[in-house]
Amino acid sequence: MSPKMHQLQNQLIAAARESPLLIFEATSRKDGTSFREISNRRRYKNLTNMLATNYDFKILADELRVTETVVNWAIAEARLHDEPEDTTNKQAFKETTNNVLRENGVAENN
């Protein structure tokens, strides 16, 4: 891992002490479709409060280790946030999300 990646990993580890990373599944109450996502506990609570009428939520993995795979996912998430319409960023985010899901024994998103 490069020094920059190592630095980012240490930052994510520090942030995870305050609000641990987790994987959750959200299932639509309307049509039953579902997706899995990585989040921190604080954001997960906010999402469940905002979307509880439309989705059922379930935590699939709690207190994830901050691995190189998670660091790559965080980079892809930041890039997608900065340029949400960029198709390369969308694909990278999807791939890195599935990599984290796979690493934690959770079914991948389609």
C-alpha atoms as a PDB file:
ATOM      1  CA  MET A   1       0.000   0.000   0.000  1.00  0.00           C
ATOM      2  CA  SER A   2       1.360   3.417  -0.919  1.00  0.00           C
ATOM      3  CA  PRO A   3       2.096   5.994   1.810  1.00  0.00           C
ATOM      4  CA  LYS A   4      -0.914   8.061   0.680  1.00  0.00           C
ATOM      5  CA  MET A   5      -3.195   5.009   0.873  1.00  0.00           C
ATOM      6  CA  HIS A   6      -1.772   4.181   4.289  1.00  0.00           C
ATOM      7  CA  GLN A   7      -2.490   7.732   5.458  1.00  0.00           C
ATOM      8  CA  LEU A   8      -6.069   7.491   4.199  1.00  0.00           C
ATOM      9  CA  GLN A   9      -6.466   4.113   5.893  1.00  0.00           C
ATOM     10  CA  ASN A  10      -5.351   5.646   9.210  1.00  0.00           C
ATOM     11  CA  GLN A  11      -7.845   8.501   8.759  1.00  0.00           C
ATOM     12  CA  LEU A  12     -10.653   6.024   8.073  1.00  0.00           C
ATOM     13  CA  ILE A  13      -9.668   3.948  11.118  1.00  0.00           C
ATOM     14  CA  ALA A  14      -9.814   7.080  13.301  1.00  0.00           C
ATOM     15  CA  ALA A  15     -13.208   8.051  11.865  1.00  0.00           C
ATOM     16  CA  ALA A  16     -14.512   4.504  12.380  1.00  0.00           C
ATOM     17  CA  ARG A  17     -13.726   4.770  16.100  1.00  0.00           C
ATOM     18  CA  GLU A  18     -16.309   7.566  16.291  1.00  0.00           C
ATOM     19  CA  SER A  19     -18.836   5.990  13.927  1.00  0.00           C
ATOM     20  CA  PRO A  20     -18.025   2.403  12.865  1.00  0.00           C
ATOM     21  CA  LEU A  21     -18.433   1.282   9.281  1.00  0.00           C
ATOM     22  CA  LEU A  22     -21.155  -1.226   8.463  1.00  0.00           C
ATOM     23  CA  ILE A  23     -22.933  -2.882   5.575  1.00  0.00           C
ATOM     24  CA  PHE A  24     -26.702  -2.614   5.381  1.00  0.00           C
ATOM     25  CA  GLU A  25     -29.434  -3.784   3.092  1.00  0.00           C
ATOM     26  CA  ALA A  26     -32.408  -1.606   2.179  1.00  0.00           C
ATOM     27  CA  THR A  27     -35.504  -3.293   0.746  1.00  0.00           C
ATOM     28  CA  SER A  28     -38.241  -1.293  -0.935  1.00  0.00           C
ATOM     29  CA  ARG A  29     -41.645  -1.697   0.688  1.00  0.00           C
ATOM     30  CA  LYS A  30     -43.188  -0.858  -2.678  1.00  0.00           C
ATOM     31  CA  ASP A  31     -41.641  -3.443  -4.997  1.00  0.00           C
ATOM     32  CA  GLY A  32     -39.347  -5.598  -2.842  1.00  0.00           C
ATOM     33  CA  THR A  33     -36.145  -4.628  -4.644  1.00  0.00           C
ATOM     34  CA  SER A  34     -33.109  -4.312  -2.440  1.00  0.00           C
ATOM     35  CA  PHE A  35     -29.564  -3.030  -2.440  1.00  0.00           C
ATOM     36  CA  ARG A  36     -26.598  -3.263  -0.107  1.00  0.00           C
ATOM     37  CA  GLU A  37     -24.464  -0.297   0.875  1.00  0.00           C
ATOM     38  CA  ILE A  38     -21.469   0.584   3.045  1.00  0.00           C
ATOM     39  CA  SER A  39     -21.948   3.393   5.522  1.00  0.00           C
ATOM     40  CA  ASN A  40     -20.949   4.573   8.939  1.00  0.00           C
ATOM     41  CA  ARG A  41     -23.333   4.100  11.843  1.00  0.00           C
ATOM     42  CA  ARG A  42     -24.248   7.811  12.058  1.00  0.00           C
ATOM     43  CA  ARG A  43     -25.234   8.037   8.385  1.00  0.00           C
ATOM     44  CA  TYR A  44     -27.104   4.724   8.635  1.00  0.00           C
ATOM     45  CA  LYS A  45     -29.231   6.087  11.492  1.00  0.00           C
ATOM     46  CA  ASN A  46     -29.975   9.237   9.486  1.00  0.00           C
ATOM     47  CA  LEU A  47     -30.974   7.185   6.438  1.00  0.00           C
ATOM     48  CA  THR A  48     -33.251   4.904   8.433  1.00  0.00           C
ATOM     49  CA  ASN A  49     -34.970   7.930   9.975  1.00  0.00           C
ATOM     50  CA  MET A  50     -35.469   9.616   6.592  1.00  0.00           C
ATOM     51  CA  LEU A  51     -36.447   6.557   4.538  1.00  0.00           C
ATOM     52  CA  ALA A  52     -38.148   4.198   7.013  1.00  0.00           C
ATOM     53  CA  THR A  53     -41.584   4.676   5.473  1.00  0.00           C
ATOM     54  CA  ASN A  54     -40.347   3.450   2.067  1.00  0.00           C
ATOM     55  CA  TYR A  55     -37.635   0.927   2.986  1.00  0.00           C
ATOM     56  CA  ASP A  56     -36.938  -1.842   5.478  1.00  0.00           C
ATOM     57  CA  PHE A  57     -33.342  -1.711   6.724  1.00  0.00           C
ATOM     58  CA  LYS A  58     -31.151  -4.506   8.025  1.00  0.00           C
ATOM     59  CA  ILE A  59     -27.500  -4.424   9.125  1.00  0.00           C
ATOM     60  CA  LEU A  60     -25.611  -7.282   7.457  1.00  0.00           C
ATOM     61  CA  ALA A  61     -22.098  -6.627   8.811  1.00  0.00           C
ATOM     62  CA  ASP A  62     -21.083  -4.319  11.629  1.00  0.00           C
ATOM     63  CA  GLU A  63     -17.785  -2.697  12.585  1.00  0.00           C
ATOM     64  CA  LEU A  64     -15.950  -3.425   9.344  1.00  0.00           C
ATOM     65  CA  ARG A  65     -12.165  -3.576   9.376  1.00  0.00           C
ATOM     66  CA  VAL A  66     -10.601  -0.769   7.357  1.00  0.00           C
ATOM     67  CA  THR A  67      -8.783  -2.841   4.746  1.00  0.00           C
ATOM     68  CA  GLU A  68      -7.206  -1.731   1.487  1.00  0.00           C
ATOM     69  CA  THR A  69     -10.490  -2.705  -0.201  1.00  0.00           C
ATOM     70  CA  VAL A  70     -12.392  -0.317   2.080  1.00  0.00           C
ATOM     71  CA  VAL A  71      -9.868   2.442   1.354  1.00  0.00           C
ATOM     72  CA  ASN A  72     -10.399   1.951  -2.391  1.00  0.00           C
ATOM     73  CA  TRP A  73     -14.174   2.105  -1.844  1.00  0.00           C
ATOM     74  CA  ALA A  74     -13.810   5.381   0.118  1.00  0.00           C
ATOM     75  CA  ILE A  75     -11.788   6.915  -2.711  1.00  0.00           C
ATOM     76  CA  ALA A  76     -14.415   5.858  -5.263  1.00  0.00           C
ATOM     77  CA  GLU A  77     -17.204   7.221  -3.054  1.00  0.00           C
ATOM     78  CA  ALA A  78     -15.453  10.595  -2.750  1.00  0.00           C
ATOM     79  CA  ARG A  79     -14.957  10.797  -6.510  1.00  0.00           C
ATOM     80  CA  LEU A  80     -18.605   9.942  -7.130  1.00  0.00           C
ATOM     81  CA  HIS A  81     -19.674  12.597  -4.637  1.00  0.00           C
ATOM     82  CA  ASP A  82     -17.537  15.194  -6.453  1.00  0.00           C
ATOM     83  CA  GLU A  83     -18.734  14.202  -9.935  1.00  0.00           C
ATOM     84  CA  PRO A  84     -21.977  12.194  -9.574  1.00  0.00           C
ATOM     85  CA  GLU A  85     -22.803  12.143 -13.299  1.00  0.00           C
ATOM     86  CA  ASP A  86     -19.423  10.776 -14.423  1.00  0.00           C
ATOM     87  CA  THR A  87     -19.994   7.224 -15.710  1.00  0.00           C
ATOM     88  CA  THR A  88     -16.434   6.157 -14.837  1.00  0.00           C
ATOM     89  CA  ASN A  89     -17.002   7.243 -11.233  1.00  0.00           C
ATOM     90  CA  LYS A  90     -20.346   5.429 -11.097  1.00  0.00           C
ATOM     91  CA  GLN A  91     -18.790   2.200 -12.355  1.00  0.00           C
ATOM     92  CA  ALA A  92     -15.786   2.470 -10.017  1.00  0.00           C
ATOM     93  CA  PHE A  93     -18.107   3.018  -7.052  1.00  0.00           C
ATOM     94  CA  LYS A  94     -20.237   0.006  -8.003  1.00  0.00           C
ATOM     95  CA  GLU A  95     -17.161  -2.209  -8.412  1.00  0.00           C
ATOM     96  CA  THR A  96     -15.485  -1.130  -5.176  1.00  0.00           C
ATOM     97  CA  THR A  97     -18.757  -1.477  -3.260  1.00  0.00           C
ATOM     98  CA  ASN A  98     -19.114  -5.047  -4.536  1.00  0.00           C
ATOM     99  CA  ASN A  99     -15.478  -5.725  -3.604  1.00  0.00           C
ATOM    100  CA  VAL A 100     -16.171  -4.685   0.008  1.00  0.00           C
ATOM    101  CA  LEU A 101     -19.386  -6.728   0.073  1.00  0.00           C
ATOM    102  CA  ARG A 102     -17.535  -9.796  -1.248  1.00  0.00           C
ATOM    103  CA  GLU A 103     -14.670  -9.304   1.205  1.00  0.00           C
ATOM    104  CA  ASN A 104     -17.213  -9.399   4.045  1.00  0.00           C
ATOM    105  CA  GLY A 105     -19.182 -12.393   2.773  1.00  0.00           C
ATOM    106  CA  VAL A 106     -22.217 -10.353   1.720  1.00  0.00           C
ATOM    107  CA  ALA A 107     -24.105 -10.781  -1.558  1.00  0.00           C
ATOM    108  CA  GLU A 108     -23.069  -8.296  -4.223  1.00  0.00           C
ATOM    109  CA  ASN A 109     -25.346  -5.695  -5.819  1.00  0.00           C
ATOM    110  CA  ASN A 110     -26.416  -6.259  -9.426  1.00  0.00           C
END
